[in-house]
Amino acid sequence: MSEPRSENTLGGRVRRYAQVGTAMGGIAARYAGKRVLGLEIDDSRYAGELRAALGGLKGPLMKVAQMLATIPDALPADYAAELAQLQSEAPPMGKPFVRRRMQAELGPDWQKHFKSFPLEAAHAASLGQVHKAVLKDGREVACKLQYPGIAASVEADLAQLRVVLEIYKRYDNAIDTSEIYKEIAARLKEELDYEREAKNAALYRHILRDEAHVHIPDVVTELSTQRLITLSWVSGQKLLAFKEADLEARRAIARKMFRAWYVPFYEYGVIHGDPHLGNYTVRDDTDINLLDFGCIRIFPPKFVGGVIDLYKALRDGDEALAVSAYEAWGFSNLSKEVLEVLNLWAAFLYAPLMEDRPRLIDETNSGQYGQGVAMDVHKRLKDVGGVTPPREFVLMDRAAIGLGSVFLHLNADLNWHRMFMELIEDFDVARVERQQAEALALVGLEPGS
């Protein structure tokens, strides 16, 4: 494979805009034709066309598509369903190019650090590829090497995304995606910085240090740079390998996944915003390995309080507390009508936490109920003039929906209410502020924005 040309040139950007824009433009035009002119088109067919078009790209826009697919009707339902299936994988770099990239990151004698370093990628993802190597001291490690020119690709994809969202907004005012775009842009740019990801991994090792069933790889700092991160190798299988496991095993996995995501949030105001299947594995003893720390969101502690207050407001029918909670989330100028619609979606997300009994995450166990709720919310938002979800909504909602999908796969009945209450029973904003500040200072991170 020849060395890819840099895309940080006018020609490179034009080629990329053309590649994405041609596919997007045709699909948007057909969708507009249906909405405005009443032309009947096969949405599922064009959703597949969009998925195929995105699948040919290097990766950043696929991450965006996956993110949007978790937000109720930010995209047409058929499109969202197709985009949610994307696995954010890209063709691997060729061997000669891997050598040059490793030399650029670690110097001309980079191979002296390794007993073995296979030039073939073990995994290919959206922003980089992973090589399973062995250090001189015998430790197995995962070396994630960033693709060349990926920063330019991200900028091009974000510019294209802005265009696509603007086109969609002309035909549907239910969701104003302006703040969503800002959040996606900020988080994607953070994911380009592997030095930050190394700090995120260290942050999670600290936060989950007492969670014996959740495992975080060590960072090999001396072999990590802004575009290369080296972590200890952890072995496990994909969650889908456990779909047919006995019920107790599936319950154990679900319980550990719940704590892996929500202990950091309720104790430190930090959430892993990307619970798709590639970002964790399950050990034979049902313990969890977390693998990827690029998409981490640090929230103001008062936001965590707002999440808890919304639960209490829904439980008690307290409208004033609901308004206060949504304002803590970042919503503003809420009319009574908009509040009622938001509560429909919130009631769906919080439903498993409301009942003090073992239950499936979705008792229809199909996902169809959630899609129906999303469609109803979308219709009603259009009727009341739409809403602008705040930036903070994006990864919080993505984590909830993504984990819900995990729990659907596991088909495990648990008392979600008691697990939730165990996390929040001693909640105190001041304590979260203190713990977050200490943890971020320990690893050299700044509070989120």
Protein backbone atom coordinates (compact mmCIF):
# COMPACT_ATOMS: atom_id res chain seq x y z
CA MET A 1 0.00 0.00 0.00
CA SER A 2 1.47 3.33 -0.99
CA GLU A 3 1.77 6.20 1.46
CA PRO A 4 -1.48 8.17 1.62
CA ARG A 5 -1.25 11.76 0.48
CA SER A 6 -1.90 14.44 3.04
CA GLU A 7 -5.43 15.76 2.85
CA ASN A 8 -4.50 19.08 4.44
CA THR A 9 -4.41 20.77 1.04
CA LEU A 10 -7.03 22.50 -1.05
CA GLY A 11 -7.06 19.59 -3.49
CA GLY A 12 -7.32 17.03 -0.72
CA ARG A 13 -10.20 18.87 0.91
CA VAL A 14 -12.03 19.28 -2.38
CA ARG A 15 -11.67 15.58 -3.14
CA ARG A 16 -13.00 14.68 0.29
CA TYR A 17 -15.93 17.10 0.11
CA ALA A 18 -16.78 15.68 -3.30
CA GLN A 19 -16.59 12.10 -2.04
CA VAL A 20 -18.92 12.72 0.88
CA GLY A 21 -20.96 15.48 -0.68
CA THR A 22 -22.02 13.57 -3.76
CA ALA A 23 -23.52 10.76 -1.71
CA MET A 24 -25.01 13.06 0.90
CA GLY A 25 -26.34 15.55 -1.60
CA GLY A 26 -28.22 12.96 -3.64
CA ILE A 27 -29.73 11.37 -0.56
CA ALA A 28 -30.70 14.73 0.93
CA ALA A 29 -32.34 15.75 -2.35
CA ARG A 30 -34.39 12.56 -2.49
CA TYR A 31 -35.40 12.93 1.14
CA ALA A 32 -36.40 16.55 0.50
CA GLY A 33 -38.39 15.41 -2.52
CA LYS A 34 -40.44 13.12 -0.32
CA ARG A 35 -40.99 15.73 2.39
CA VAL A 36 -41.68 18.78 0.21
CA LEU A 37 -43.07 17.39 -3.03
CA GLY A 38 -44.77 14.29 -1.69
CA LEU A 39 -42.64 11.95 -3.82
CA GLU A 40 -42.54 8.41 -2.48
CA ILE A 41 -39.06 6.95 -2.05
CA ASP A 42 -37.78 3.84 -0.39
CA ASP A 43 -36.22 5.28 2.77
CA SER A 44 -34.62 1.97 3.73
CA ARG A 45 -32.91 1.74 0.34
CA TYR A 46 -31.42 5.21 0.61
CA ALA A 47 -30.48 4.66 4.22
CA GLY A 48 -28.41 1.71 3.02
CA GLU A 49 -26.93 3.93 0.31
CA LEU A 50 -25.90 6.47 2.93
CA ARG A 51 -24.37 3.74 5.07
CA ALA A 52 -22.42 2.40 2.09
CA ALA A 53 -21.17 5.88 1.22
CA LEU A 54 -19.96 6.52 4.76
CA GLY A 55 -18.45 3.06 5.03
CA GLY A 56 -15.99 3.96 2.29
CA LEU A 57 -14.55 6.85 4.28
CA LYS A 58 -11.61 6.76 6.66
CA GLY A 59 -13.73 6.96 9.75
CA PRO A 60 -14.45 10.25 11.53
CA LEU A 61 -17.82 10.86 9.88
CA MET A 62 -18.84 7.31 10.77
CA LYS A 63 -18.24 8.15 14.44
CA VAL A 64 -20.44 11.19 13.98
CA ALA A 65 -23.13 9.08 12.34
CA GLN A 66 -23.09 6.61 15.22
CA MET A 67 -23.44 9.49 17.67
CA LEU A 68 -26.37 11.02 15.81
CA ALA A 69 -28.05 7.64 15.53
CA THR A 70 -28.59 7.59 19.32
CA ILE A 71 -30.39 10.96 19.43
CA PRO A 72 -34.15 10.62 18.86
CA ASP A 73 -34.80 11.53 15.25
CA ALA A 74 -31.85 13.86 14.77
CA LEU A 75 -31.80 11.92 11.48
CA PRO A 76 -34.64 10.08 9.72
CA ALA A 77 -35.38 6.79 11.51
CA ASP A 78 -34.28 4.51 8.66
CA TYR A 79 -31.05 6.46 8.26
CA ALA A 80 -30.33 6.31 11.99
CA ALA A 81 -30.94 2.56 12.06
CA GLU A 82 -28.47 1.99 9.22
CA LEU A 83 -25.84 4.34 10.63
CA ALA A 84 -26.02 2.71 14.05
CA GLN A 85 -24.70 -0.50 12.47
CA LEU A 86 -21.48 1.05 11.22
CA GLN A 87 -18.46 -0.44 12.94
CA SER A 88 -16.09 2.49 12.37
CA GLU A 89 -13.48 0.34 10.66
CA ALA A 90 -11.16 1.45 7.89
CA PRO A 91 -8.61 -0.20 5.59
CA PRO A 92 -5.29 -0.77 7.40
CA MET A 93 -2.07 1.07 6.62
CA GLY A 94 0.50 -0.90 4.63
CA LYS A 95 3.64 -2.30 6.26
CA PRO A 96 6.13 0.22 4.81
CA PHE A 97 3.94 3.05 5.95
CA VAL A 98 3.57 1.61 9.46
CA ARG A 99 7.39 1.55 9.71
CA ARG A 100 7.59 5.20 8.70
CA ARG A 101 4.82 6.19 11.10
CA MET A 102 6.45 4.39 14.04
CA GLN A 103 9.77 6.01 13.21
CA ALA A 104 8.11 9.41 13.15
CA GLU A 105 6.64 8.83 16.63
CA LEU A 106 9.47 7.01 18.45
CA GLY A 107 12.58 7.79 16.39
CA PRO A 108 14.72 5.81 13.91
CA ASP A 109 15.56 3.11 16.48
CA TRP A 110 11.93 2.56 17.48
CA GLN A 111 12.22 -1.21 17.13
CA LYS A 112 14.68 -1.41 20.05
CA HIS A 113 11.72 -1.09 22.43
CA PHE A 114 10.06 -4.26 21.18
CA LYS A 115 10.81 -7.97 21.20
CA SER A 116 8.25 -8.21 18.39
CA PHE A 117 6.08 -5.73 16.54
CA PRO A 118 3.84 -7.23 13.81
CA LEU A 119 3.35 -4.71 11.04
CA GLU A 120 -0.13 -6.10 10.34
CA ALA A 121 -2.87 -4.42 12.35
CA ALA A 122 -4.73 -6.49 14.94
CA HIS A 123 -7.68 -4.11 14.73
CA ALA A 124 -8.57 -1.17 12.48
CA ALA A 125 -10.80 1.58 13.85
CA SER A 126 -11.98 5.03 12.84
CA LEU A 127 -9.01 7.21 13.79
CA GLY A 128 -6.18 4.70 14.03
CA GLN A 129 -5.20 1.05 14.01
CA VAL A 130 -4.00 -1.26 16.78
CA HIS A 131 -0.90 -3.49 16.67
CA LYS A 132 -0.41 -6.24 19.24
CA ALA A 133 3.28 -6.11 20.16
CA VAL A 134 5.63 -7.55 22.81
CA LEU A 135 8.03 -5.32 24.74
CA LYS A 136 11.62 -6.27 25.54
CA ASP A 137 10.57 -7.23 29.06
CA GLY A 138 7.93 -9.63 27.71
CA ARG A 139 4.83 -7.53 28.32
CA GLU A 140 2.14 -7.75 25.64
CA VAL A 141 0.91 -4.31 24.58
CA ALA A 142 -1.58 -2.68 22.25
CA CYS A 143 -0.04 0.11 20.17
CA LYS A 144 -2.71 2.35 18.66
CA LEU A 145 -1.21 4.32 15.79
CA GLN A 146 -3.16 7.26 14.36
CA TYR A 147 -3.85 7.36 10.63
CA PRO A 148 -1.95 10.02 8.67
CA GLY A 149 -3.89 13.12 7.65
CA ILE A 150 -6.73 12.22 10.01
CA ALA A 151 -6.90 15.72 11.52
CA ALA A 152 -7.63 17.16 8.07
CA SER A 153 -10.19 14.41 7.52
CA VAL A 154 -11.94 15.32 10.77
CA GLU A 155 -12.11 18.99 9.80
CA ALA A 156 -13.49 18.10 6.36
CA ASP A 157 -16.04 15.70 7.82
CA LEU A 158 -17.20 18.24 10.40
CA ALA A 159 -17.66 20.87 7.71
CA GLN A 160 -19.68 18.38 5.67
CA LEU A 161 -21.69 17.40 8.73
CA ARG A 162 -22.63 21.04 9.30
CA VAL A 163 -23.96 21.21 5.76
CA VAL A 164 -25.94 17.97 6.13
CA LEU A 165 -27.50 19.10 9.42
CA GLU A 166 -28.44 22.46 7.93
CA ILE A 167 -30.12 20.74 4.98
CA TYR A 168 -32.06 18.48 7.30
CA LYS A 169 -33.10 21.37 9.54
CA ARG A 170 -34.81 23.08 6.60
CA TYR A 171 -37.24 20.22 6.32
CA ASP A 172 -37.68 19.30 9.96
CA ASN A 173 -37.65 21.67 12.93
CA ALA A 174 -38.18 19.15 15.73
CA ILE A 175 -34.51 19.06 16.78
CA ASP A 176 -32.21 22.08 16.47
CA THR A 177 -28.81 20.41 16.13
CA SER A 178 -26.63 23.51 16.55
CA GLU A 179 -25.45 22.65 20.07
CA ILE A 180 -25.21 18.98 19.15
CA TYR A 181 -22.81 19.92 16.37
CA LYS A 182 -20.61 21.91 18.77
CA GLU A 183 -20.39 18.96 21.15
CA ILE A 184 -19.57 16.46 18.42
CA ALA A 185 -16.89 18.76 17.02
CA ALA A 186 -15.27 19.28 20.42
CA ARG A 187 -15.26 15.61 21.35
CA LEU A 188 -13.97 14.43 17.95
CA LYS A 189 -11.06 16.89 18.11
CA GLU A 190 -10.23 15.64 21.60
CA GLU A 191 -10.10 12.07 20.26
CA LEU A 192 -7.24 13.09 17.96
CA ASP A 193 -5.04 13.80 20.98
CA TYR A 194 -3.67 10.46 22.23
CA GLU A 195 -1.82 12.21 25.04
CA ARG A 196 -5.22 13.25 26.35
CA GLU A 197 -6.52 9.70 25.86
CA ALA A 198 -3.62 8.41 27.96
CA LYS A 199 -4.66 10.81 30.73
CA ASN A 200 -8.26 9.65 30.35
CA ALA A 201 -7.14 6.04 30.79
CA ALA A 202 -5.20 7.01 33.92
CA LEU A 203 -8.29 8.85 35.18
CA TYR A 204 -10.40 5.72 34.77
CA ARG A 205 -7.80 3.56 36.49
CA HIS A 206 -8.04 5.92 39.46
CA ILE A 207 -11.82 6.21 39.48
CA LEU A 208 -12.43 2.46 39.15
CA ARG A 209 -9.56 1.35 41.39
CA ASP A 210 -12.01 -0.27 43.84
CA GLU A 211 -14.12 -1.97 41.14
CA ALA A 212 -12.48 -5.40 41.16
CA HIS A 213 -14.51 -6.64 38.17
CA VAL A 214 -13.67 -3.80 35.77
CA HIS A 215 -10.17 -3.75 34.27
CA ILE A 216 -8.38 -0.76 32.78
CA PRO A 217 -5.13 -1.26 30.82
CA ASP A 218 -1.91 0.40 31.99
CA VAL A 219 -0.49 3.21 29.85
CA VAL A 220 3.12 2.73 28.74
CA THR A 221 3.96 6.42 28.95
CA GLU A 222 7.43 6.23 27.44
CA LEU A 223 5.98 4.68 24.27
CA SER A 224 3.05 7.08 23.92
CA THR A 225 2.87 10.35 21.98
CA GLN A 226 0.15 12.62 20.65
CA ARG A 227 -0.44 10.19 17.77
CA LEU A 228 0.60 6.88 19.35
CA ILE A 229 -0.74 5.35 22.55
CA THR A 230 0.67 2.15 24.01
CA LEU A 231 -1.39 0.22 26.57
CA SER A 232 -1.05 -3.15 28.24
CA TRP A 233 -2.86 -5.83 26.25
CA VAL A 234 -6.01 -7.20 27.89
CA SER A 235 -7.72 -10.31 26.55
CA GLY A 236 -11.43 -10.96 26.28
CA GLN A 237 -14.29 -11.71 23.91
CA LYS A 238 -16.93 -9.48 22.37
CA LEU A 239 -20.15 -9.24 24.32
CA LEU A 240 -22.09 -11.02 21.57
CA ALA A 241 -20.16 -14.21 22.42
CA PHE A 242 -22.10 -14.27 25.69
CA LYS A 243 -25.61 -13.82 24.28
CA GLU A 244 -26.32 -17.52 24.78
CA ALA A 245 -24.52 -17.83 28.14
CA ASP A 246 -26.48 -18.93 31.20
CA LEU A 247 -28.66 -16.30 32.85
CA GLU A 248 -26.42 -15.77 35.88
CA ALA A 249 -23.44 -15.02 33.63
CA ARG A 250 -25.49 -12.53 31.62
CA ARG A 251 -26.73 -10.87 34.79
CA ALA A 252 -23.16 -10.59 36.06
CA ILE A 253 -21.97 -8.95 32.83
CA ALA A 254 -24.88 -6.49 32.85
CA ARG A 255 -24.24 -5.58 36.51
CA LYS A 256 -20.53 -4.95 35.84
CA MET A 257 -21.24 -2.91 32.71
CA PHE A 258 -23.69 -0.78 34.69
CA ARG A 259 -21.07 -0.01 37.32
CA ALA A 260 -18.28 0.51 34.76
CA TRP A 261 -20.29 3.34 33.21
CA TYR A 262 -22.13 4.86 36.13
CA VAL A 263 -19.72 4.75 39.09
CA PRO A 264 -17.50 7.30 37.28
CA PHE A 265 -20.52 9.48 36.51
CA TYR A 266 -22.22 9.61 39.90
CA GLU A 267 -18.98 9.71 41.90
CA TYR A 268 -16.83 11.94 39.67
CA GLY A 269 -19.04 13.53 36.99
CA VAL A 270 -17.25 11.61 34.22
CA ILE A 271 -18.78 9.38 31.58
CA HIS A 272 -17.49 7.12 28.83
CA GLY A 273 -19.54 8.36 25.90
CA ASP A 274 -19.03 5.45 23.52
CA PRO A 275 -20.38 2.09 24.73
CA HIS A 276 -20.34 0.41 21.31
CA LEU A 277 -19.15 -3.18 21.06
CA GLY A 278 -15.59 -2.37 20.04
CA ASN A 279 -14.75 -0.42 23.19
CA TYR A 280 -14.83 -3.23 25.74
CA THR A 281 -14.44 -6.98 25.96
CA VAL A 282 -15.70 -9.59 28.42
CA ARG A 283 -13.37 -12.03 30.18
CA ASP A 284 -14.17 -15.70 30.67
CA ASP A 285 -15.05 -14.97 34.30
CA THR A 286 -17.50 -12.24 33.07
CA ASP A 287 -15.25 -9.37 34.19
CA ILE A 288 -15.14 -6.31 31.90
CA ASN A 289 -12.15 -4.81 30.07
CA LEU A 290 -12.51 -1.17 29.02
CA LEU A 291 -10.33 -0.54 25.97
CA ASP A 292 -10.84 2.91 24.50
CA PHE A 293 -10.73 6.25 26.30
CA GLY A 294 -10.93 8.78 23.49
CA CYS A 295 -14.59 9.72 23.99
CA ILE A 296 -14.71 10.80 27.66
CA ARG A 297 -16.95 13.63 28.88
CA ILE A 298 -16.26 15.54 32.11
CA PHE A 299 -19.43 17.23 33.40
CA PRO A 300 -19.89 19.99 35.98
CA PRO A 301 -20.99 18.22 39.17
CA LYS A 302 -24.24 20.22 39.19
CA PHE A 303 -25.15 18.41 35.96
CA VAL A 304 -24.95 15.09 37.82
CA GLY A 305 -27.28 16.59 40.40
CA GLY A 306 -29.66 17.53 37.59
CA VAL A 307 -29.74 13.93 36.34
CA ILE A 308 -30.70 12.74 39.83
CA ASP A 309 -33.23 15.55 40.30
CA LEU A 310 -34.94 14.62 37.03
CA TYR A 311 -35.37 11.07 38.33
CA LYS A 312 -36.94 12.43 41.53
CA ALA A 313 -39.16 14.84 39.58
CA LEU A 314 -40.51 12.06 37.37
CA ARG A 315 -41.00 9.77 40.36
CA ASP A 316 -42.87 12.41 42.39
CA GLY A 317 -44.63 14.29 39.58
CA ASP A 318 -42.79 17.48 40.63
CA GLU A 319 -42.97 19.89 37.68
CA ALA A 320 -40.90 22.64 39.32
CA LEU A 321 -38.08 20.19 40.11
CA ALA A 322 -38.23 18.88 36.53
CA VAL A 323 -37.77 22.40 35.16
CA SER A 324 -34.83 22.97 37.50
CA ALA A 325 -33.32 19.61 36.47
CA TYR A 326 -33.60 20.34 32.76
CA GLU A 327 -31.99 23.74 33.33
CA ALA A 328 -29.11 21.98 35.09
CA TRP A 329 -28.82 19.82 31.94
CA GLY A 330 -28.57 23.01 29.86
CA PHE A 331 -32.09 23.34 28.46
CA SER A 332 -33.55 26.86 28.50
CA ASN A 333 -36.85 28.70 27.84
CA LEU A 334 -38.94 25.59 28.43
CA SER A 335 -42.63 26.02 27.79
CA LYS A 336 -45.13 23.77 29.52
CA GLU A 337 -45.72 22.01 26.18
CA VAL A 338 -42.03 21.35 25.54
CA LEU A 339 -41.60 20.18 29.14
CA GLU A 340 -44.34 17.60 28.67
CA VAL A 341 -42.68 16.23 25.53
CA LEU A 342 -39.23 16.08 27.14
CA ASN A 343 -40.76 14.17 30.02
CA LEU A 344 -42.00 11.52 27.58
CA TRP A 345 -38.43 10.76 26.53
CA ALA A 346 -37.10 11.04 30.07
CA ALA A 347 -39.79 8.67 31.35
CA PHE A 348 -38.67 6.10 28.78
CA LEU A 349 -34.98 6.42 29.75
CA TYR A 350 -35.67 6.35 33.51
CA ALA A 351 -38.37 3.64 33.42
CA PRO A 352 -36.12 0.72 34.49
CA LEU A 353 -34.99 2.75 37.53
CA MET A 354 -38.51 3.48 38.76
CA GLU A 355 -39.60 -0.02 39.78
CA ASP A 356 -38.10 -1.80 42.79
CA ARG A 357 -38.13 -5.25 41.20
CA PRO A 358 -36.01 -7.35 38.84
CA ARG A 359 -36.96 -6.61 35.22
CA LEU A 360 -35.55 -6.50 31.71
CA ILE A 361 -34.24 -3.13 30.59
CA ASP A 362 -37.06 -3.10 28.00
CA GLU A 363 -39.81 -5.53 28.83
CA THR A 364 -40.82 -5.84 25.19
CA ASN A 365 -37.18 -6.98 24.71
CA SER A 366 -37.18 -5.76 21.12
CA GLY A 367 -36.17 -2.12 21.02
CA GLN A 368 -39.38 -1.39 19.10
CA TYR A 369 -40.96 0.34 22.08
CA GLY A 370 -38.09 2.81 22.30
CA GLN A 371 -38.35 3.55 18.59
CA GLY A 372 -42.06 4.17 19.01
CA VAL A 373 -41.44 6.57 21.90
CA ALA A 374 -38.79 8.40 19.85
CA MET A 375 -41.20 8.79 16.93
CA ASP A 376 -43.91 10.12 19.24
CA VAL A 377 -41.47 12.56 20.86
CA HIS A 378 -40.33 13.74 17.45
CA LYS A 379 -43.88 14.34 16.23
CA ARG A 380 -44.83 16.26 19.35
CA LEU A 381 -41.68 18.36 19.27
CA LYS A 382 -42.57 19.42 15.74
CA ASP A 383 -46.05 20.35 16.93
CA VAL A 384 -44.71 22.60 19.70
CA GLY A 385 -42.04 24.27 17.56
CA GLY A 386 -39.01 22.13 18.32
CA VAL A 387 -36.27 22.15 20.94
CA THR A 388 -32.52 22.80 21.09
CA PRO A 389 -30.85 19.96 23.03
CA PRO A 390 -27.84 21.27 24.98
CA ARG A 391 -24.34 19.99 24.34
CA GLU A 392 -24.38 18.00 27.56
CA PHE A 393 -27.32 15.96 26.29
CA VAL A 394 -25.35 14.26 23.50
CA LEU A 395 -23.01 11.85 25.29
CA MET A 396 -25.30 11.36 28.27
CA ASP A 397 -28.09 10.23 25.95
CA ARG A 398 -25.67 8.21 23.83
CA ALA A 399 -24.40 6.35 26.89
CA ALA A 400 -27.93 5.59 28.10
CA ILE A 401 -29.14 4.34 24.70
CA GLY A 402 -25.88 2.48 23.98
CA LEU A 403 -25.94 0.68 27.32
CA GLY A 404 -29.62 -0.06 26.84
CA SER A 405 -28.66 -1.84 23.63
CA VAL A 406 -26.02 -3.84 25.53
CA PHE A 407 -28.58 -4.88 28.13
CA LEU A 408 -31.05 -5.84 25.40
CA HIS A 409 -28.40 -8.14 23.90
CA LEU A 410 -27.84 -9.74 27.30
CA ASN A 411 -31.56 -10.22 27.99
CA ALA A 412 -30.80 -10.08 31.72
CA ASP A 413 -33.33 -9.16 34.40
CA LEU A 414 -31.88 -7.08 37.24
CA ASN A 415 -33.19 -4.72 39.88
CA TRP A 416 -31.94 -1.58 38.11
CA HIS A 417 -33.68 0.58 40.73
CA ARG A 418 -31.60 -0.78 43.59
CA MET A 419 -28.33 -0.57 41.63
CA PHE A 420 -29.14 3.07 40.85
CA MET A 421 -30.14 3.91 44.43
CA GLU A 422 -26.93 2.36 45.70
CA LEU A 423 -25.00 4.83 43.55
CA ILE A 424 -26.96 7.95 44.48
CA GLU A 425 -28.03 7.37 48.09
CA ASP A 426 -25.16 9.45 49.51
CA PHE A 427 -24.88 11.86 46.57
CA ASP A 428 -23.49 15.26 47.45
CA VAL A 429 -22.53 17.86 44.84
CA ALA A 430 -19.73 19.24 47.01
CA ARG A 431 -18.20 15.78 47.42
CA VAL A 432 -18.34 15.14 43.66
CA GLU A 433 -16.71 18.54 43.07
CA ARG A 434 -13.89 17.65 45.46
CA GLN A 435 -13.37 14.13 44.11
CA GLN A 436 -13.45 15.32 40.50
CA ALA A 437 -10.95 18.11 41.15
CA GLU A 438 -8.55 15.75 42.95
CA ALA A 439 -8.78 13.09 40.25
CA LEU A 440 -8.29 15.52 37.36
CA ALA A 441 -5.30 17.14 39.09
CA LEU A 442 -3.79 13.69 39.66
CA VAL A 443 -3.72 12.90 35.92
CA GLY A 444 -3.25 16.44 34.59
CA LEU A 445 -6.69 17.05 33.03
CA GLU A 446 -8.82 20.18 33.09
CA PRO A 447 -12.55 20.27 33.98
CA GLY A 448 -14.92 19.82 31.01
CA SER A 449 -16.51 22.64 29.07
